[in-house]
Every structure is written in structure tokens, then in C-alpha cells.
Amino acid sequence: MRGDRVEVTMDVGDGVRTYEIAATRAGRRVEITTGRTIVEVVEVTRGGTPVRTARFMASRLVALVEHPAERGRTDGLTRPAG
């Protein structure tokens, strides 16, 4: 669903770096798979075909935050907090 996004914060040795993976079109969603050594974030279509994949070393992962799309919104925009 457009609006789905995931923020991944990684330790890169001299600090941290944040990556954002988002569903870029309507009907797509972001899925997360965790393993012992790898965290995989994949943008997939309605049919389950992977469009984009990002893989991160689990030992370097500082934070993984999921931001699901708001239910009832069809324009893909999120409301500001507050």
C-alpha cells in the first residue's frame, strides 16, 4: 500500500546512517524478513513480485522502524503528527 515505509539505521563505523525504503506506487507494500545474519527489506507488487530489495547485516543494525500506511487514506499521503 502506498505510504508504507521502513527506516533502517545502521552503524557504519564512524557514526550511523539512516536508509528509508518506501512503497513508491499504489498497490505496492514493503515486507521485512529477518534472519540470523541478514535483514532484508523488499518492496513488492500486489502479485508478490519483488521490485526493489535492500539487505543489511543484522549485527550492524541499530534500529528498524516500520511506518505503515494509514487505513482509509487512498491518496498515499500521511497526516502530520499532532
N, C-alpha and C. Protein backbone atom coordinates (compact mmCIF):
# COMPACT_ATOMS: atom_id res chain seq x y z
N MET A 1 0.85 -1.16 0.00
CA MET A 1 0.00 0.00 0.00
C MET A 1 0.89 1.23 0.00
N ARG A 2 0.62 2.15 -0.87
CA ARG A 2 1.45 3.33 -0.91
C ARG A 2 1.36 4.06 0.43
N GLY A 3 2.48 4.48 0.91
CA GLY A 3 2.55 5.08 2.24
C GLY A 3 3.32 4.20 3.19
N ASP A 4 3.41 2.90 2.91
CA ASP A 4 4.25 2.01 3.70
C ASP A 4 5.70 2.45 3.54
N ARG A 5 6.40 2.52 4.65
CA ARG A 5 7.83 2.81 4.57
C ARG A 5 8.53 2.25 5.79
N VAL A 6 9.83 2.01 5.61
CA VAL A 6 10.65 1.45 6.67
C VAL A 6 11.91 2.29 6.77
N GLU A 7 12.28 2.66 7.99
CA GLU A 7 13.54 3.37 8.23
C GLU A 7 14.51 2.39 8.87
N VAL A 8 15.71 2.30 8.33
CA VAL A 8 16.74 1.40 8.84
C VAL A 8 17.94 2.25 9.23
N THR A 9 18.38 2.14 10.48
CA THR A 9 19.56 2.87 10.95
C THR A 9 20.67 1.86 11.18
N MET A 10 21.81 2.12 10.51
CA MET A 10 22.94 1.19 10.54
C MET A 10 24.17 1.85 11.17
N ASP A 11 24.97 1.06 11.86
CA ASP A 11 26.27 1.50 12.36
C ASP A 11 27.25 1.34 11.21
N VAL A 12 27.89 2.44 10.79
CA VAL A 12 28.82 2.39 9.67
C VAL A 12 30.26 2.60 10.12
N GLY A 13 30.54 2.44 11.39
CA GLY A 13 31.89 2.55 11.90
C GLY A 13 32.21 3.90 12.50
N ASP A 14 32.02 4.97 11.75
CA ASP A 14 32.31 6.31 12.26
C ASP A 14 31.04 7.08 12.61
N GLY A 15 29.93 6.40 12.71
CA GLY A 15 28.65 7.02 13.03
C GLY A 15 27.53 6.10 12.59
N VAL A 16 26.37 6.69 12.37
CA VAL A 16 25.23 5.91 11.89
C VAL A 16 24.72 6.51 10.59
N ARG A 17 24.09 5.69 9.79
CA ARG A 17 23.49 6.13 8.54
C ARG A 17 22.07 5.58 8.50
N THR A 18 21.12 6.42 8.07
CA THR A 18 19.72 6.02 8.01
C THR A 18 19.29 5.86 6.56
N TYR A 19 18.62 4.75 6.29
CA TYR A 19 18.09 4.45 4.97
C TYR A 19 16.57 4.39 5.08
N GLU A 20 15.89 4.83 4.04
CA GLU A 20 14.42 4.76 4.01
C GLU A 20 14.00 4.01 2.77
N ILE A 21 13.21 2.97 2.96
CA ILE A 21 12.66 2.19 1.86
C ILE A 21 11.15 2.39 1.91
N ALA A 22 10.57 2.81 0.78
CA ALA A 22 9.14 3.13 0.76
C ALA A 22 8.46 2.49 -0.43
N ALA A 23 7.17 2.22 -0.27
CA ALA A 23 6.35 1.76 -1.39
C ALA A 23 6.14 2.95 -2.32
N THR A 24 6.62 2.85 -3.55
CA THR A 24 6.64 4.00 -4.44
C THR A 24 5.38 4.17 -5.27
N ARG A 25 4.57 3.16 -5.38
CA ARG A 25 3.34 3.25 -6.17
C ARG A 25 2.17 2.64 -5.40
N ALA A 26 0.97 3.01 -5.81
CA ALA A 26 -0.23 2.45 -5.18
C ALA A 26 -0.26 0.95 -5.43
N GLY A 27 -0.67 0.19 -4.44
CA GLY A 27 -0.76 -1.25 -4.58
C GLY A 27 0.49 -1.99 -4.17
N ARG A 28 1.58 -1.28 -3.95
CA ARG A 28 2.82 -1.94 -3.51
C ARG A 28 2.92 -1.86 -1.99
N ARG A 29 3.70 -2.78 -1.44
CA ARG A 29 3.90 -2.80 0.01
C ARG A 29 5.36 -3.12 0.30
N VAL A 30 5.75 -2.90 1.54
CA VAL A 30 7.11 -3.17 1.97
C VAL A 30 7.07 -4.33 2.96
N GLU A 31 7.89 -5.35 2.70
CA GLU A 31 7.94 -6.52 3.57
C GLU A 31 9.34 -6.64 4.17
N ILE A 32 9.41 -7.13 5.41
CA ILE A 32 10.68 -7.29 6.11
C ILE A 32 10.86 -8.76 6.45
N THR A 33 12.05 -9.27 6.15
CA THR A 33 12.42 -10.63 6.50
C THR A 33 13.67 -10.57 7.36
N THR A 34 13.65 -11.24 8.50
CA THR A 34 14.82 -11.23 9.36
C THR A 34 15.38 -12.64 9.44
N GLY A 35 16.69 -12.71 9.41
CA GLY A 35 17.39 -13.98 9.56
C GLY A 35 18.44 -13.82 10.64
N ARG A 36 19.29 -14.80 10.76
CA ARG A 36 20.32 -14.74 11.79
C ARG A 36 21.35 -13.66 11.49
N THR A 37 21.73 -13.51 10.22
CA THR A 37 22.78 -12.55 9.88
C THR A 37 22.33 -11.43 8.95
N ILE A 38 21.16 -11.57 8.32
CA ILE A 38 20.71 -10.61 7.31
C ILE A 38 19.29 -10.14 7.62
N VAL A 39 19.06 -8.84 7.44
CA VAL A 39 17.70 -8.28 7.47
C VAL A 39 17.43 -7.80 6.05
N GLU A 40 16.33 -8.27 5.46
CA GLU A 40 16.00 -7.95 4.07
C GLU A 40 14.70 -7.15 4.03
N VAL A 41 14.73 -6.02 3.34
CA VAL A 41 13.55 -5.18 3.18
C VAL A 41 13.23 -5.16 1.69
N VAL A 42 12.01 -5.57 1.32
CA VAL A 42 11.64 -5.74 -0.08
C VAL A 42 10.36 -4.97 -0.38
N GLU A 43 10.37 -4.21 -1.47
CA GLU A 43 9.15 -3.59 -2.00
C GLU A 43 8.57 -4.58 -3.00
N VAL A 44 7.30 -4.98 -2.78
CA VAL A 44 6.67 -5.97 -3.65
C VAL A 44 5.37 -5.44 -4.24
N THR A 45 5.00 -5.98 -5.39
CA THR A 45 3.75 -5.61 -6.05
C THR A 45 2.60 -6.38 -5.43
N ARG A 46 1.39 -6.12 -5.89
CA ARG A 46 0.21 -6.84 -5.39
C ARG A 46 0.34 -8.33 -5.59
N GLY A 47 0.95 -8.73 -6.71
CA GLY A 47 1.10 -10.15 -7.02
C GLY A 47 2.25 -10.81 -6.30
N GLY A 48 3.04 -10.05 -5.55
CA GLY A 48 4.15 -10.62 -4.79
C GLY A 48 5.49 -10.58 -5.50
N THR A 49 5.56 -9.92 -6.66
CA THR A 49 6.82 -9.81 -7.39
C THR A 49 7.70 -8.75 -6.73
N PRO A 50 8.93 -9.12 -6.36
CA PRO A 50 9.83 -8.11 -5.76
C PRO A 50 10.24 -7.06 -6.78
N VAL A 51 10.18 -5.80 -6.38
CA VAL A 51 10.57 -4.68 -7.24
C VAL A 51 11.95 -4.19 -6.84
N ARG A 52 12.17 -4.02 -5.55
CA ARG A 52 13.41 -3.49 -5.01
C ARG A 52 13.76 -4.24 -3.73
N THR A 53 15.03 -4.53 -3.54
CA THR A 53 15.46 -5.27 -2.36
C THR A 53 16.65 -4.56 -1.72
N ALA A 54 16.63 -4.47 -0.40
CA ALA A 54 17.76 -3.93 0.36
C ALA A 54 18.11 -4.95 1.43
N ARG A 55 19.39 -5.26 1.55
CA ARG A 55 19.85 -6.23 2.55
C ARG A 55 20.85 -5.54 3.49
N PHE A 56 20.69 -5.84 4.78
CA PHE A 56 21.53 -5.23 5.80
C PHE A 56 22.07 -6.31 6.72
N MET A 57 23.29 -6.12 7.20
CA MET A 57 23.86 -7.05 8.18
C MET A 57 23.18 -6.83 9.53
N ALA A 58 22.64 -7.89 10.10
CA ALA A 58 21.91 -7.77 11.35
C ALA A 58 22.81 -7.30 12.49
N SER A 59 24.09 -7.64 12.45
CA SER A 59 24.99 -7.25 13.53
C SER A 59 25.28 -5.74 13.54
N ARG A 60 25.04 -5.06 12.42
CA ARG A 60 25.26 -3.61 12.31
C ARG A 60 23.97 -2.81 12.48
N LEU A 61 22.85 -3.48 12.60
CA LEU A 61 21.55 -2.82 12.70
C LEU A 61 21.40 -2.14 14.05
N VAL A 62 21.10 -0.84 14.03
CA VAL A 62 20.86 -0.09 15.26
C VAL A 62 19.36 0.00 15.52
N ALA A 63 18.58 0.34 14.48
CA ALA A 63 17.13 0.47 14.63
C ALA A 63 16.44 0.15 13.32
N LEU A 64 15.25 -0.42 13.42
CA LEU A 64 14.41 -0.69 12.27
C LEU A 64 13.00 -0.24 12.66
N VAL A 65 12.48 0.78 11.97
CA VAL A 65 11.19 1.36 12.33
C VAL A 65 10.25 1.22 11.15
N GLU A 66 9.10 0.58 11.37
CA GLU A 66 8.09 0.44 10.33
C GLU A 66 7.06 1.55 10.46
N HIS A 67 6.72 2.17 9.34
CA HIS A 67 5.68 3.19 9.29
C HIS A 67 4.61 2.70 8.33
N PRO A 68 3.57 2.02 8.82
CA PRO A 68 2.54 1.52 7.92
C PRO A 68 1.69 2.67 7.38
N ALA A 69 1.09 2.45 6.22
CA ALA A 69 0.19 3.44 5.63
C ALA A 69 -1.04 3.55 6.51
N GLU A 70 -1.61 4.74 6.54
CA GLU A 70 -2.82 4.94 7.32
C GLU A 70 -4.00 4.29 6.62
N ARG A 71 -4.83 3.62 7.38
CA ARG A 71 -6.02 2.99 6.80
C ARG A 71 -7.05 4.06 6.47
N GLY A 72 -7.73 3.86 5.36
CA GLY A 72 -8.77 4.80 4.96
C GLY A 72 -8.27 5.91 4.06
N ARG A 73 -6.97 6.09 3.95
CA ARG A 73 -6.42 7.12 3.06
C ARG A 73 -6.09 6.47 1.73
N THR A 74 -6.56 7.02 0.66
CA THR A 74 -6.30 6.44 -0.65
C THR A 74 -5.35 7.27 -1.47
N ASP A 75 -4.98 8.47 -1.00
CA ASP A 75 -4.10 9.33 -1.79
C ASP A 75 -2.63 9.07 -1.50
N GLY A 76 -2.32 8.19 -0.53
CA GLY A 76 -0.94 7.85 -0.24
C GLY A 76 -0.22 8.87 0.65
N LEU A 77 -0.91 9.90 1.08
CA LEU A 77 -0.28 10.92 1.91
C LEU A 77 -0.53 10.59 3.38
N THR A 78 0.40 10.96 4.22
CA THR A 78 0.22 10.76 5.65
C THR A 78 -0.07 12.08 6.32
N ARG A 79 -0.79 12.02 7.41
CA ARG A 79 -1.13 13.23 8.16
C ARG A 79 0.01 13.59 9.09
N PRO A 80 0.27 14.89 9.28
CA PRO A 80 1.32 15.28 10.23
C PRO A 80 0.91 14.93 11.66
N ALA A 81 1.89 14.61 12.48
CA ALA A 81 1.61 14.27 13.87
C ALA A 81 1.18 15.51 14.62
N GLY A 82 0.29 15.31 15.57
CA GLY A 82 -0.08 16.44 16.42
C GLY A 82 -1.45 16.82 16.35
